[in-house]
Amino acid sequence: RDRIFVNAPGVDASVFYERKDAAGYVKNLGISAPYVLYLGNSNPHKNVDGLLKAYVSLPENLRAGRRLVLAGVGDYAAPAGIDPGAYIKLSTVSSADLPFL
């Protein structure tokens, strides 16, 4: 009855690895390091509103110098009262660009 299951990593290490050229790529997107990345769609079950509200509620010293980047969220519109300067929205991200984020 005892069985061992091995789950392979959900990330392809031949594609997703530290890239020395990533800094220039993210800078062209208006992103400066360090940043907090959300990568996914904005369907209601993802609760992007909750993530954004939690992020802006953090003390300033924790947010200082760390922008929230919402990538792949399509036409997502932040809830009323959220400062648009609190985050960077990348509506779509191509598969080729993902490793650079």
N, C-alpha and C. Protein backbone atom coordinates (compact mmCIF):
# COMPACT_ATOMS: atom_id res chain seq x y z
N ARG A 1 0.80 -1.20 0.00
CA ARG A 1 0.00 0.00 0.00
C ARG A 1 0.84 1.26 0.00
N ASP A 2 1.99 1.21 0.63
CA ASP A 2 2.86 2.39 0.62
C ASP A 2 3.43 2.56 -0.78
N ARG A 3 3.24 3.73 -1.30
CA ARG A 3 3.76 4.02 -2.63
C ARG A 3 4.50 5.34 -2.60
N ILE A 4 5.46 5.42 -3.44
CA ILE A 4 6.21 6.66 -3.57
C ILE A 4 5.85 7.27 -4.93
N PHE A 5 5.47 8.51 -4.89
CA PHE A 5 5.16 9.24 -6.11
C PHE A 5 6.17 10.36 -6.26
N VAL A 6 6.73 10.47 -7.42
CA VAL A 6 7.66 11.54 -7.72
C VAL A 6 6.98 12.50 -8.67
N ASN A 7 6.84 13.74 -8.23
CA ASN A 7 6.28 14.77 -9.10
C ASN A 7 7.43 15.59 -9.66
N ALA A 8 7.50 15.62 -10.96
CA ALA A 8 8.55 16.40 -11.62
C ALA A 8 8.29 17.89 -11.40
N PRO A 9 9.32 18.70 -11.39
CA PRO A 9 9.12 20.14 -11.24
C PRO A 9 8.19 20.67 -12.33
N GLY A 10 7.40 21.66 -11.97
CA GLY A 10 6.46 22.24 -12.91
C GLY A 10 7.09 23.28 -13.82
N VAL A 11 8.40 23.38 -13.77
CA VAL A 11 9.11 24.40 -14.54
C VAL A 11 10.20 23.70 -15.36
N ASP A 12 10.29 24.07 -16.60
CA ASP A 12 11.33 23.52 -17.47
C ASP A 12 12.63 24.29 -17.24
N ALA A 13 13.57 23.65 -16.57
CA ALA A 13 14.84 24.31 -16.21
C ALA A 13 15.69 24.66 -17.43
N SER A 14 15.38 24.07 -18.58
CA SER A 14 16.13 24.44 -19.78
C SER A 14 15.62 25.76 -20.37
N VAL A 15 14.46 26.20 -19.92
CA VAL A 15 13.88 27.46 -20.39
C VAL A 15 13.95 28.54 -19.31
N PHE A 16 13.62 28.14 -18.09
CA PHE A 16 13.56 29.09 -16.98
C PHE A 16 14.80 28.95 -16.10
N TYR A 17 15.72 29.81 -16.30
CA TYR A 17 16.95 29.86 -15.52
C TYR A 17 17.37 31.31 -15.41
N GLU A 18 18.31 31.59 -14.53
CA GLU A 18 18.75 32.98 -14.35
C GLU A 18 19.40 33.47 -15.64
N ARG A 19 18.91 34.60 -16.12
CA ARG A 19 19.42 35.16 -17.38
C ARG A 19 20.11 36.48 -17.11
N LYS A 20 21.32 36.59 -17.58
CA LYS A 20 22.08 37.81 -17.38
C LYS A 20 21.51 38.98 -18.17
N ASP A 21 20.79 38.69 -19.25
CA ASP A 21 20.22 39.74 -20.08
C ASP A 21 18.80 40.14 -19.68
N ALA A 22 18.28 39.59 -18.61
CA ALA A 22 16.90 39.87 -18.19
C ALA A 22 16.72 41.31 -17.72
N ALA A 23 17.72 41.89 -17.10
CA ALA A 23 17.60 43.25 -16.56
C ALA A 23 17.25 44.26 -17.65
N GLY A 24 17.89 44.15 -18.78
CA GLY A 24 17.58 45.06 -19.89
C GLY A 24 16.18 44.87 -20.41
N TYR A 25 15.74 43.63 -20.45
CA TYR A 25 14.39 43.34 -20.93
C TYR A 25 13.34 43.97 -20.02
N VAL A 26 13.45 43.73 -18.71
CA VAL A 26 12.44 44.27 -17.80
C VAL A 26 12.51 45.79 -17.74
N LYS A 27 13.70 46.34 -17.90
CA LYS A 27 13.82 47.80 -17.90
C LYS A 27 13.05 48.40 -19.08
N ASN A 28 13.10 47.74 -20.24
CA ASN A 28 12.35 48.21 -21.40
C ASN A 28 10.85 48.16 -21.18
N LEU A 29 10.40 47.34 -20.25
CA LEU A 29 8.98 47.27 -19.91
C LEU A 29 8.59 48.29 -18.84
N GLY A 30 9.57 49.05 -18.36
CA GLY A 30 9.29 50.02 -17.32
C GLY A 30 9.35 49.43 -15.92
N ILE A 31 9.97 48.28 -15.81
CA ILE A 31 10.07 47.59 -14.52
C ILE A 31 11.49 47.73 -14.00
N SER A 32 11.60 48.10 -12.74
CA SER A 32 12.92 48.14 -12.11
C SER A 32 12.96 47.10 -11.01
N ALA A 33 14.07 46.48 -10.85
CA ALA A 33 14.23 45.44 -9.83
C ALA A 33 14.48 46.09 -8.48
N PRO A 34 14.12 45.48 -7.42
CA PRO A 34 13.36 44.24 -7.33
C PRO A 34 11.87 44.49 -7.54
N TYR A 35 11.14 43.44 -7.88
CA TYR A 35 9.71 43.56 -8.08
C TYR A 35 9.03 42.27 -7.63
N VAL A 36 7.73 42.36 -7.40
CA VAL A 36 6.92 41.22 -7.02
C VAL A 36 6.09 40.88 -8.26
N LEU A 37 6.15 39.64 -8.72
CA LEU A 37 5.50 39.25 -9.97
C LEU A 37 4.29 38.37 -9.72
N TYR A 38 3.17 38.76 -10.31
CA TYR A 38 2.01 37.88 -10.44
C TYR A 38 1.91 37.56 -11.92
N LEU A 39 1.84 36.28 -12.26
CA LEU A 39 1.73 35.86 -13.64
C LEU A 39 0.51 34.95 -13.75
N GLY A 40 -0.49 35.43 -14.42
CA GLY A 40 -1.70 34.64 -14.59
C GLY A 40 -2.82 35.50 -15.14
N ASN A 41 -3.96 34.90 -15.35
CA ASN A 41 -5.08 35.68 -15.87
C ASN A 41 -5.78 36.41 -14.72
N SER A 42 -6.79 37.16 -15.06
CA SER A 42 -7.50 37.93 -14.04
C SER A 42 -8.91 37.41 -13.81
N ASN A 43 -9.14 36.14 -14.11
CA ASN A 43 -10.44 35.55 -13.83
C ASN A 43 -10.74 35.67 -12.34
N PRO A 44 -12.02 35.80 -11.98
CA PRO A 44 -12.37 36.04 -10.57
C PRO A 44 -11.77 35.05 -9.57
N HIS A 45 -11.65 33.78 -9.94
CA HIS A 45 -11.11 32.81 -8.98
C HIS A 45 -9.63 33.03 -8.67
N LYS A 46 -8.95 33.85 -9.46
CA LYS A 46 -7.54 34.17 -9.19
C LYS A 46 -7.40 35.26 -8.12
N ASN A 47 -8.48 36.01 -7.88
CA ASN A 47 -8.51 37.05 -6.84
C ASN A 47 -7.38 38.07 -6.96
N VAL A 48 -7.21 38.58 -8.16
CA VAL A 48 -6.19 39.61 -8.39
C VAL A 48 -6.55 40.86 -7.59
N ASP A 49 -7.84 41.15 -7.44
CA ASP A 49 -8.26 42.28 -6.60
C ASP A 49 -7.71 42.12 -5.18
N GLY A 50 -7.83 40.93 -4.63
CA GLY A 50 -7.35 40.66 -3.28
C GLY A 50 -5.84 40.82 -3.17
N LEU A 51 -5.13 40.34 -4.18
CA LEU A 51 -3.67 40.49 -4.20
C LEU A 51 -3.29 41.96 -4.22
N LEU A 52 -3.93 42.73 -5.07
CA LEU A 52 -3.61 44.15 -5.19
C LEU A 52 -3.94 44.90 -3.92
N LYS A 53 -5.09 44.61 -3.33
CA LYS A 53 -5.48 45.27 -2.07
C LYS A 53 -4.50 44.90 -0.95
N ALA A 54 -4.09 43.65 -0.90
CA ALA A 54 -3.13 43.22 0.12
C ALA A 54 -1.79 43.92 -0.08
N TYR A 55 -1.36 44.02 -1.32
CA TYR A 55 -0.08 44.67 -1.62
C TYR A 55 -0.09 46.13 -1.19
N VAL A 56 -1.14 46.87 -1.55
CA VAL A 56 -1.17 48.30 -1.21
C VAL A 56 -1.39 48.52 0.29
N SER A 57 -1.87 47.50 0.99
CA SER A 57 -2.05 47.65 2.43
C SER A 57 -0.78 47.35 3.23
N LEU A 58 0.25 46.84 2.57
CA LEU A 58 1.52 46.60 3.25
C LEU A 58 2.12 47.92 3.73
N PRO A 59 2.85 47.88 4.83
CA PRO A 59 3.53 49.10 5.27
C PRO A 59 4.47 49.60 4.18
N GLU A 60 4.60 50.90 4.09
CA GLU A 60 5.42 51.54 3.05
C GLU A 60 6.84 50.98 3.03
N ASN A 61 7.40 50.71 4.20
CA ASN A 61 8.78 50.22 4.22
C ASN A 61 8.92 48.84 3.56
N LEU A 62 7.84 48.06 3.50
CA LEU A 62 7.90 46.77 2.82
C LEU A 62 7.70 46.91 1.32
N ARG A 63 6.91 47.90 0.92
CA ARG A 63 6.66 48.13 -0.51
C ARG A 63 7.74 48.97 -1.17
N ALA A 64 8.46 49.74 -0.39
CA ALA A 64 9.44 50.68 -0.94
C ALA A 64 10.41 49.96 -1.88
N GLY A 65 10.47 50.45 -3.09
CA GLY A 65 11.41 49.89 -4.05
C GLY A 65 11.00 48.57 -4.65
N ARG A 66 9.78 48.10 -4.36
CA ARG A 66 9.31 46.81 -4.88
C ARG A 66 7.95 47.01 -5.52
N ARG A 67 7.94 47.17 -6.83
CA ARG A 67 6.66 47.34 -7.53
C ARG A 67 6.01 45.99 -7.75
N LEU A 68 4.71 45.99 -7.74
CA LEU A 68 3.94 44.79 -8.06
C LEU A 68 3.73 44.79 -9.57
N VAL A 69 4.09 43.70 -10.22
CA VAL A 69 3.91 43.55 -11.66
C VAL A 69 2.83 42.50 -11.88
N LEU A 70 1.75 42.90 -12.55
CA LEU A 70 0.66 41.99 -12.89
C LEU A 70 0.82 41.63 -14.36
N ALA A 71 1.24 40.43 -14.64
CA ALA A 71 1.53 40.02 -16.01
C ALA A 71 0.51 39.00 -16.51
N GLY A 72 0.04 39.23 -17.73
CA GLY A 72 -0.90 38.29 -18.33
C GLY A 72 -2.35 38.51 -17.92
N VAL A 73 -2.65 39.67 -17.34
CA VAL A 73 -3.99 39.91 -16.78
C VAL A 73 -4.99 40.49 -17.78
N GLY A 74 -4.61 40.59 -19.03
CA GLY A 74 -5.54 41.06 -20.05
C GLY A 74 -6.04 42.46 -19.80
N ASP A 75 -7.34 42.65 -19.88
CA ASP A 75 -7.94 43.98 -19.70
C ASP A 75 -8.35 44.25 -18.26
N TYR A 76 -7.68 43.64 -17.32
CA TYR A 76 -7.98 43.81 -15.90
C TYR A 76 -8.01 45.29 -15.51
N ALA A 77 -9.02 45.64 -14.73
CA ALA A 77 -9.14 46.99 -14.18
C ALA A 77 -9.11 46.89 -12.67
N ALA A 78 -8.22 47.61 -12.05
CA ALA A 78 -8.07 47.57 -10.59
C ALA A 78 -9.32 48.12 -9.91
N PRO A 79 -9.58 47.69 -8.68
CA PRO A 79 -10.72 48.21 -7.94
C PRO A 79 -10.60 49.71 -7.71
N ALA A 80 -11.74 50.37 -7.54
CA ALA A 80 -11.75 51.81 -7.27
C ALA A 80 -10.92 52.10 -6.03
N GLY A 81 -10.22 53.21 -6.07
CA GLY A 81 -9.41 53.62 -4.93
C GLY A 81 -7.98 53.13 -4.95
N ILE A 82 -7.63 52.24 -5.87
CA ILE A 82 -6.26 51.74 -5.96
C ILE A 82 -5.48 52.68 -6.88
N ASP A 83 -4.38 53.20 -6.38
CA ASP A 83 -3.53 54.10 -7.15
C ASP A 83 -2.91 53.33 -8.31
N PRO A 84 -3.14 53.78 -9.55
CA PRO A 84 -2.54 53.08 -10.70
C PRO A 84 -1.01 53.05 -10.65
N GLY A 85 -0.40 53.93 -9.89
CA GLY A 85 1.05 53.92 -9.76
C GLY A 85 1.56 52.85 -8.82
N ALA A 86 0.65 52.13 -8.17
CA ALA A 86 1.04 51.10 -7.21
C ALA A 86 1.48 49.81 -7.89
N TYR A 87 1.17 49.68 -9.17
CA TYR A 87 1.48 48.43 -9.86
C TYR A 87 1.76 48.71 -11.33
N ILE A 88 2.34 47.71 -11.98
CA ILE A 88 2.59 47.76 -13.41
C ILE A 88 1.78 46.63 -14.03
N LYS A 89 1.01 46.93 -15.05
CA LYS A 89 0.19 45.91 -15.71
C LYS A 89 0.77 45.58 -17.08
N LEU A 90 1.04 44.31 -17.29
CA LEU A 90 1.43 43.79 -18.60
C LEU A 90 0.28 42.91 -19.06
N SER A 91 -0.55 43.44 -19.93
CA SER A 91 -1.77 42.73 -20.33
C SER A 91 -1.49 41.34 -20.86
N THR A 92 -0.51 41.23 -21.74
CA THR A 92 -0.14 39.93 -22.30
C THR A 92 1.38 39.77 -22.24
N VAL A 93 1.80 38.54 -22.12
CA VAL A 93 3.22 38.22 -22.13
C VAL A 93 3.38 36.98 -23.01
N SER A 94 4.22 37.06 -24.00
CA SER A 94 4.42 35.91 -24.88
C SER A 94 5.23 34.82 -24.17
N SER A 95 5.08 33.60 -24.66
CA SER A 95 5.84 32.48 -24.09
C SER A 95 7.34 32.73 -24.19
N ALA A 96 7.76 33.37 -25.26
CA ALA A 96 9.18 33.66 -25.45
C ALA A 96 9.70 34.67 -24.43
N ASP A 97 8.81 35.56 -23.96
CA ASP A 97 9.22 36.59 -23.01
C ASP A 97 9.16 36.15 -21.55
N LEU A 98 8.40 35.10 -21.25
CA LEU A 98 8.24 34.66 -19.86
C LEU A 98 9.55 34.42 -19.12
N PRO A 99 10.53 33.76 -19.71
CA PRO A 99 11.76 33.50 -18.96
C PRO A 99 12.50 34.76 -18.50
N PHE A 100 12.22 35.89 -19.13
CA PHE A 100 12.92 37.10 -18.76
C PHE A 100 12.30 37.82 -17.56
N LEU A 101 11.09 37.42 -17.21
CA LEU A 101 10.44 38.03 -16.06
C LEU A 101 10.91 37.37 -14.79
